[in-house]
Amino acid sequence: MSESHSPLPAVDLARTVVFAAFIAVLGIFPGIYVGGSSVPIVIQNAGPLLAGSILGARRGAASVVLFLGLVAIGLPLLSGGRGGIASFSVPSSGFLIGWVLSALVAGLIVSRARRVGLPVLLLANVAGLAADYLIGIPFLGVYIGDLPAAALQSLIFVPGDLVKVVAAALIAGVVHRALPGLSARPVTRTG
């Protein structure tokens, strides 16, 4: 049950680059700081979920690594026009690094599913989001010196992130139906 591979490596590269650019475009929307949180609410974190859900684990994670590499060298691609290596030494840095695992987990679940429909895509995106929290919350906890406070502070993001999970699953479902060659298996409608 391996991920589908394009007959042309250039196609894989193009898809990876296009998704890195898509994640960058999602950064046009500025982050919103709520309730004294040191981590902004952004829509950009839906990009890695979509990358994994649509491209699969390998290409999805590669697109996020490419995006983060471009941020690290100074391109202002993060929400609010942030960029540079300093972006990886702020309270939200763990969530940025978690995006790689987020895309990987979502992609693995989609590529191993017998049928790629809305239930699988929802599960994949929830698991991808959980993977991001798994890295982001401990990093935030170390940064502020209080893991329970970091976990509590992160609860403010859950409702919005769940909306993004549903949106990502719906969008990925439409893309899989329109371009079934992107998934590892033929896409069938469920439910």
C-alpha atoms as a PDB file:
ATOM      1  CA  MET A   1       0.000   0.000   0.000  1.00  0.00           C
ATOM      2  CA  SER A   2       2.620   2.487  -0.986  1.00  0.00           C
ATOM      3  CA  GLU A   3       1.978   6.031  -1.992  1.00  0.00           C
ATOM      4  CA  SER A   4       1.492   6.487  -5.726  1.00  0.00           C
ATOM      5  CA  HIS A   5       4.490   7.790  -7.576  1.00  0.00           C
ATOM      6  CA  SER A   6       4.363   9.926 -10.670  1.00  0.00           C
ATOM      7  CA  PRO A   7       6.066   8.473 -13.730  1.00  0.00           C
ATOM      8  CA  LEU A   8       7.894  11.774 -14.045  1.00  0.00           C
ATOM      9  CA  PRO A   9       9.970  13.096 -11.141  1.00  0.00           C
ATOM     10  CA  ALA A  10       9.369  16.605 -12.501  1.00  0.00           C
ATOM     11  CA  VAL A  11       5.646  16.180 -11.838  1.00  0.00           C
ATOM     12  CA  ASP A  12       6.348  15.244  -8.206  1.00  0.00           C
ATOM     13  CA  LEU A  13       8.640  18.247  -7.867  1.00  0.00           C
ATOM     14  CA  ALA A  14       6.084  20.574  -9.438  1.00  0.00           C
ATOM     15  CA  ARG A  15       3.330  19.369  -7.109  1.00  0.00           C
ATOM     16  CA  THR A  16       5.606  19.822  -4.109  1.00  0.00           C
ATOM     17  CA  VAL A  17       6.567  23.350  -5.147  1.00  0.00           C
ATOM     18  CA  VAL A  18       2.972  24.317  -5.934  1.00  0.00           C
ATOM     19  CA  PHE A  19       1.833  23.218  -2.480  1.00  0.00           C
ATOM     20  CA  ALA A  20       4.686  25.101  -0.802  1.00  0.00           C
ATOM     21  CA  ALA A  21       3.490  28.172  -2.723  1.00  0.00           C
ATOM     22  CA  PHE A  22      -0.110  27.454  -1.679  1.00  0.00           C
ATOM     23  CA  ILE A  23       0.923  27.375   1.985  1.00  0.00           C
ATOM     24  CA  ALA A  24       2.685  30.698   1.429  1.00  0.00           C
ATOM     25  CA  VAL A  25      -0.457  32.204  -0.130  1.00  0.00           C
ATOM     26  CA  LEU A  26      -2.435  31.203   2.964  1.00  0.00           C
ATOM     27  CA  GLY A  27      -0.018  33.433   4.892  1.00  0.00           C
ATOM     28  CA  ILE A  28      -1.460  36.512   3.209  1.00  0.00           C
ATOM     29  CA  PHE A  29      -4.187  36.425   5.825  1.00  0.00           C
ATOM     30  CA  PRO A  30      -2.792  37.971   9.021  1.00  0.00           C
ATOM     31  CA  GLY A  31      -2.779  36.132  12.318  1.00  0.00           C
ATOM     32  CA  ILE A  32      -5.104  37.182  15.115  1.00  0.00           C
ATOM     33  CA  TYR A  33      -3.876  37.182  18.716  1.00  0.00           C
ATOM     34  CA  VAL A  34      -6.694  36.291  21.119  1.00  0.00           C
ATOM     35  CA  GLY A  35      -6.869  36.423  24.889  1.00  0.00           C
ATOM     36  CA  GLY A  36      -3.250  37.264  25.578  1.00  0.00           C
ATOM     37  CA  SER A  37      -2.031  34.209  23.686  1.00  0.00           C
ATOM     38  CA  SER A  38       1.502  34.347  22.331  1.00  0.00           C
ATOM     39  CA  VAL A  39       0.484  32.214  19.335  1.00  0.00           C
ATOM     40  CA  PRO A  40      -1.734  33.757  16.618  1.00  0.00           C
ATOM     41  CA  ILE A  41      -4.806  32.157  15.069  1.00  0.00           C
ATOM     42  CA  VAL A  42      -3.999  31.695  11.366  1.00  0.00           C
ATOM     43  CA  ILE A  43      -5.508  29.834   8.426  1.00  0.00           C
ATOM     44  CA  GLN A  44      -2.039  28.932   7.174  1.00  0.00           C
ATOM     45  CA  ASN A  45      -1.930  25.779   9.307  1.00  0.00           C
ATOM     46  CA  ALA A  46      -4.618  24.284   7.051  1.00  0.00           C
ATOM     47  CA  GLY A  47      -2.014  24.176   4.257  1.00  0.00           C
ATOM     48  CA  PRO A  48      -0.001  21.262   5.657  1.00  0.00           C
ATOM     49  CA  LEU A  49      -3.204  19.315   6.276  1.00  0.00           C
ATOM     50  CA  LEU A  50      -4.241  19.837   2.675  1.00  0.00           C
ATOM     51  CA  ALA A  51      -0.752  18.997   1.421  1.00  0.00           C
ATOM     52  CA  GLY A  52      -0.774  15.659   3.223  1.00  0.00           C
ATOM     53  CA  SER A  53      -4.395  14.888   2.348  1.00  0.00           C
ATOM     54  CA  ILE A  54      -3.941  15.622  -1.331  1.00  0.00           C
ATOM     55  CA  LEU A  55      -0.305  14.857  -2.144  1.00  0.00           C
ATOM     56  CA  GLY A  56       0.306  12.041   0.315  1.00  0.00           C
ATOM     57  CA  ALA A  57       2.843  11.712   3.104  1.00  0.00           C
ATOM     58  CA  ARG A  58       6.095  12.043   1.169  1.00  0.00           C
ATOM     59  CA  ARG A  59       5.217  14.916  -1.162  1.00  0.00           C
ATOM     60  CA  GLY A  60       3.021  16.657   1.435  1.00  0.00           C
ATOM     61  CA  ALA A  61       5.797  16.673   4.040  1.00  0.00           C
ATOM     62  CA  ALA A  62       8.320  17.716   1.386  1.00  0.00           C
ATOM     63  CA  SER A  63       6.185  20.717   0.464  1.00  0.00           C
ATOM     64  CA  VAL A  64       6.090  21.809   4.109  1.00  0.00           C
ATOM     65  CA  VAL A  65       9.856  21.326   4.499  1.00  0.00           C
ATOM     66  CA  LEU A  66      10.398  23.428   1.366  1.00  0.00           C
ATOM     67  CA  PHE A  67       8.086  26.126   2.687  1.00  0.00           C
ATOM     68  CA  LEU A  68       9.797  26.199   6.090  1.00  0.00           C
ATOM     69  CA  GLY A  69      13.201  26.282   4.395  1.00  0.00           C
ATOM     70  CA  LEU A  70      12.145  29.353   2.436  1.00  0.00           C
ATOM     71  CA  VAL A  71      10.921  30.957   5.663  1.00  0.00           C
ATOM     72  CA  ALA A  72      14.216  30.128   7.386  1.00  0.00           C
ATOM     73  CA  ILE A  73      16.280  31.849   4.687  1.00  0.00           C
ATOM     74  CA  GLY A  74      14.298  35.016   5.217  1.00  0.00           C
ATOM     75  CA  LEU A  75      11.344  35.055   2.868  1.00  0.00           C
ATOM     76  CA  PRO A  76       8.372  36.704   4.638  1.00  0.00           C
ATOM     77  CA  LEU A  77       5.945  33.870   3.947  1.00  0.00           C
ATOM     78  CA  LEU A  78       4.418  33.346   7.363  1.00  0.00           C
ATOM     79  CA  SER A  79       1.145  34.969   8.296  1.00  0.00           C
ATOM     80  CA  GLY A  80       1.665  38.659   8.881  1.00  0.00           C
ATOM     81  CA  GLY A  81       4.728  38.782   6.604  1.00  0.00           C
ATOM     82  CA  ARG A  82       7.106  37.122   9.045  1.00  0.00           C
ATOM     83  CA  GLY A  83      10.162  35.179   7.971  1.00  0.00           C
ATOM     84  CA  GLY A  84      13.761  34.458   8.821  1.00  0.00           C
ATOM     85  CA  ILE A  85      15.463  32.110  11.224  1.00  0.00           C
ATOM     86  CA  ALA A  86      14.077  34.114  14.167  1.00  0.00           C
ATOM     87  CA  SER A  87      10.642  32.716  13.269  1.00  0.00           C
ATOM     88  CA  PHE A  88      11.856  29.431  14.733  1.00  0.00           C
ATOM     89  CA  SER A  89      12.654  30.885  18.155  1.00  0.00           C
ATOM     90  CA  VAL A  90       9.240  32.264  19.127  1.00  0.00           C
ATOM     91  CA  PRO A  91       6.419  30.624  21.123  1.00  0.00           C
ATOM     92  CA  SER A  92       4.688  29.328  17.969  1.00  0.00           C
ATOM     93  CA  SER A  93       7.828  27.698  16.546  1.00  0.00           C
ATOM     94  CA  GLY A  94       6.849  24.222  17.685  1.00  0.00           C
ATOM     95  CA  PHE A  95       3.624  24.487  15.749  1.00  0.00           C
ATOM     96  CA  LEU A  96       5.577  25.446  12.612  1.00  0.00           C
ATOM     97  CA  ILE A  97       7.866  22.451  13.006  1.00  0.00           C
ATOM     98  CA  GLY A  98       4.788  20.328  13.740  1.00  0.00           C
ATOM     99  CA  TRP A  99       3.442  21.160  10.297  1.00  0.00           C
ATOM    100  CA  VAL A 100       5.861  18.629   8.802  1.00  0.00           C
ATOM    101  CA  LEU A 101       4.490  15.849  11.020  1.00  0.00           C
ATOM    102  CA  SER A 102       0.966  17.113  10.372  1.00  0.00           C
ATOM    103  CA  ALA A 103       1.320  16.656   6.605  1.00  0.00           C
ATOM    104  CA  LEU A 104       3.082  13.317   7.077  1.00  0.00           C
ATOM    105  CA  VAL A 105       0.404  11.867   9.370  1.00  0.00           C
ATOM    106  CA  ALA A 106      -2.515  13.084   7.232  1.00  0.00           C
ATOM    107  CA  GLY A 107      -0.836  11.723   4.116  1.00  0.00           C
ATOM    108  CA  LEU A 108      -0.112   8.325   5.661  1.00  0.00           C
ATOM    109  CA  ILE A 109      -3.713   7.858   6.720  1.00  0.00           C
ATOM    110  CA  VAL A 110      -5.095   8.850   3.314  1.00  0.00           C
ATOM    111  CA  SER A 111      -2.619   6.683   1.399  1.00  0.00           C
ATOM    112  CA  ARG A 112      -3.385   3.608   3.501  1.00  0.00           C
ATOM    113  CA  ALA A 113      -7.162   3.898   3.340  1.00  0.00           C
ATOM    114  CA  ARG A 114      -9.139   1.428   1.269  1.00  0.00           C
ATOM    115  CA  ARG A 115     -11.608   4.141   0.322  1.00  0.00           C
ATOM    116  CA  VAL A 116     -10.763   7.822   0.384  1.00  0.00           C
ATOM    117  CA  GLY A 117     -13.968   9.569   1.303  1.00  0.00           C
ATOM    118  CA  LEU A 118     -15.002  12.243   3.753  1.00  0.00           C
ATOM    119  CA  PRO A 119     -14.731  10.040   6.888  1.00  0.00           C
ATOM    120  CA  VAL A 120     -11.128   9.074   6.056  1.00  0.00           C
ATOM    121  CA  LEU A 121     -10.209  12.645   5.176  1.00  0.00           C
ATOM    122  CA  LEU A 122     -11.724  13.925   8.430  1.00  0.00           C
ATOM    123  CA  LEU A 123      -9.790  11.311  10.411  1.00  0.00           C
ATOM    124  CA  ALA A 124      -6.579  12.111   8.527  1.00  0.00           C
ATOM    125  CA  ASN A 125      -6.913  15.825   9.163  1.00  0.00           C
ATOM    126  CA  VAL A 126      -7.828  15.435  12.848  1.00  0.00           C
ATOM    127  CA  ALA A 127      -4.801  13.160  13.292  1.00  0.00           C
ATOM    128  CA  GLY A 128      -2.630  15.645  11.394  1.00  0.00           C
ATOM    129  CA  LEU A 129      -3.829  18.459  13.633  1.00  0.00           C
ATOM    130  CA  ALA A 130      -3.172  16.338  16.734  1.00  0.00           C
ATOM    131  CA  ALA A 131       0.364  15.691  15.467  1.00  0.00           C
ATOM    132  CA  ASP A 132       0.910  19.442  15.165  1.00  0.00           C
ATOM    133  CA  TYR A 133      -0.331  19.968  18.736  1.00  0.00           C
ATOM    134  CA  LEU A 134       1.907  17.092  19.881  1.00  0.00           C
ATOM    135  CA  ILE A 135       4.954  19.127  18.854  1.00  0.00           C
ATOM    136  CA  GLY A 136       3.617  22.657  19.330  1.00  0.00           C
ATOM    137  CA  ILE A 137       2.297  22.428  22.883  1.00  0.00           C
ATOM    138  CA  PRO A 138       5.466  20.986  24.482  1.00  0.00           C
ATOM    139  CA  PHE A 139       7.587  23.548  22.609  1.00  0.00           C
ATOM    140  CA  LEU A 140       5.330  26.334  23.868  1.00  0.00           C
ATOM    141  CA  GLY A 141       5.483  24.825  27.353  1.00  0.00           C
ATOM    142  CA  VAL A 142       9.279  24.883  27.326  1.00  0.00           C
ATOM    143  CA  TYR A 143       9.270  28.412  25.925  1.00  0.00           C
ATOM    144  CA  ILE A 144       6.996  29.808  28.640  1.00  0.00           C
ATOM    145  CA  GLY A 145       8.252  27.431  31.324  1.00  0.00           C
ATOM    146  CA  ASP A 146       4.859  25.906  32.088  1.00  0.00           C
ATOM    147  CA  LEU A 147       3.551  22.898  30.138  1.00  0.00           C
ATOM    148  CA  PRO A 148       0.070  22.815  31.757  1.00  0.00           C
ATOM    149  CA  ALA A 149      -0.379  26.525  31.008  1.00  0.00           C
ATOM    150  CA  ALA A 150       0.722  25.921  27.410  1.00  0.00           C
ATOM    151  CA  ALA A 151      -1.823  23.139  27.034  1.00  0.00           C
ATOM    152  CA  LEU A 152      -4.551  25.287  28.561  1.00  0.00           C
ATOM    153  CA  GLN A 153      -3.587  28.272  26.398  1.00  0.00           C
ATOM    154  CA  SER A 154      -3.758  26.073  23.289  1.00  0.00           C
ATOM    155  CA  LEU A 155      -7.414  25.178  23.946  1.00  0.00           C
ATOM    156  CA  ILE A 156      -8.437  28.533  22.473  1.00  0.00           C
ATOM    157  CA  PHE A 157      -7.315  27.263  19.048  1.00  0.00           C
ATOM    158  CA  VAL A 158      -9.289  24.012  19.048  1.00  0.00           C
ATOM    159  CA  PRO A 159     -12.656  25.334  17.747  1.00  0.00           C
ATOM    160  CA  GLY A 160     -11.080  27.237  14.860  1.00  0.00           C
ATOM    161  CA  ASP A 161      -8.713  24.393  14.059  1.00  0.00           C
ATOM    162  CA  LEU A 162     -11.616  21.957  13.913  1.00  0.00           C
ATOM    163  CA  VAL A 163     -13.332  24.234  11.385  1.00  0.00           C
ATOM    164  CA  LYS A 164     -10.092  24.176   9.341  1.00  0.00           C
ATOM    165  CA  VAL A 165      -9.991  20.363   9.610  1.00  0.00           C
ATOM    166  CA  VAL A 166     -13.508  20.093   8.164  1.00  0.00           C
ATOM    167  CA  ALA A 167     -12.701  22.609   5.418  1.00  0.00           C
ATOM    168  CA  ALA A 168      -9.464  20.787   4.538  1.00  0.00           C
ATOM    169  CA  ALA A 169     -11.282  17.435   4.404  1.00  0.00           C
ATOM    170  CA  LEU A 170     -14.007  18.850   2.149  1.00  0.00           C
ATOM    171  CA  ILE A 171     -11.498  20.528  -0.177  1.00  0.00           C
ATOM    172  CA  ALA A 172      -9.317  17.403  -0.331  1.00  0.00           C
ATOM    173  CA  GLY A 173     -12.395  15.328  -1.138  1.00  0.00           C
ATOM    174  CA  VAL A 174     -13.263  17.585  -4.062  1.00  0.00           C
ATOM    175  CA  VAL A 175      -9.682  17.478  -5.351  1.00  0.00           C
ATOM    176  CA  HIS A 176      -9.505  13.683  -5.048  1.00  0.00           C
ATOM    177  CA  ARG A 177     -12.743  13.300  -6.986  1.00  0.00           C
ATOM    178  CA  ALA A 178     -11.599  15.739  -9.674  1.00  0.00           C
ATOM    179  CA  LEU A 179      -8.041  14.380  -9.940  1.00  0.00           C
ATOM    180  CA  PRO A 180      -8.072  10.784  -8.738  1.00  0.00           C
ATOM    181  CA  GLY A 181      -4.491  10.249  -9.925  1.00  0.00           C
ATOM    182  CA  LEU A 182      -3.200  12.280  -6.976  1.00  0.00           C
ATOM    183  CA  SER A 183      -4.194   9.648  -4.433  1.00  0.00           C
ATOM    184  CA  ALA A 184      -2.607   6.275  -3.889  1.00  0.00           C
ATOM    185  CA  ARG A 185      -5.890   4.487  -4.514  1.00  0.00           C
ATOM    186  CA  PRO A 186      -8.952   5.193  -6.604  1.00  0.00           C
ATOM    187  CA  VAL A 187     -11.272   7.518  -4.746  1.00  0.00           C
ATOM    188  CA  THR A 188     -14.774   6.347  -3.993  1.00  0.00           C
ATOM    189  CA  ARG A 189     -17.553   8.339  -2.474  1.00  0.00           C
ATOM    190  CA  THR A 190     -18.777   7.266   0.913  1.00  0.00           C
ATOM    191  CA  GLY A 191     -21.696   8.468   2.925  1.00  0.00           C
END
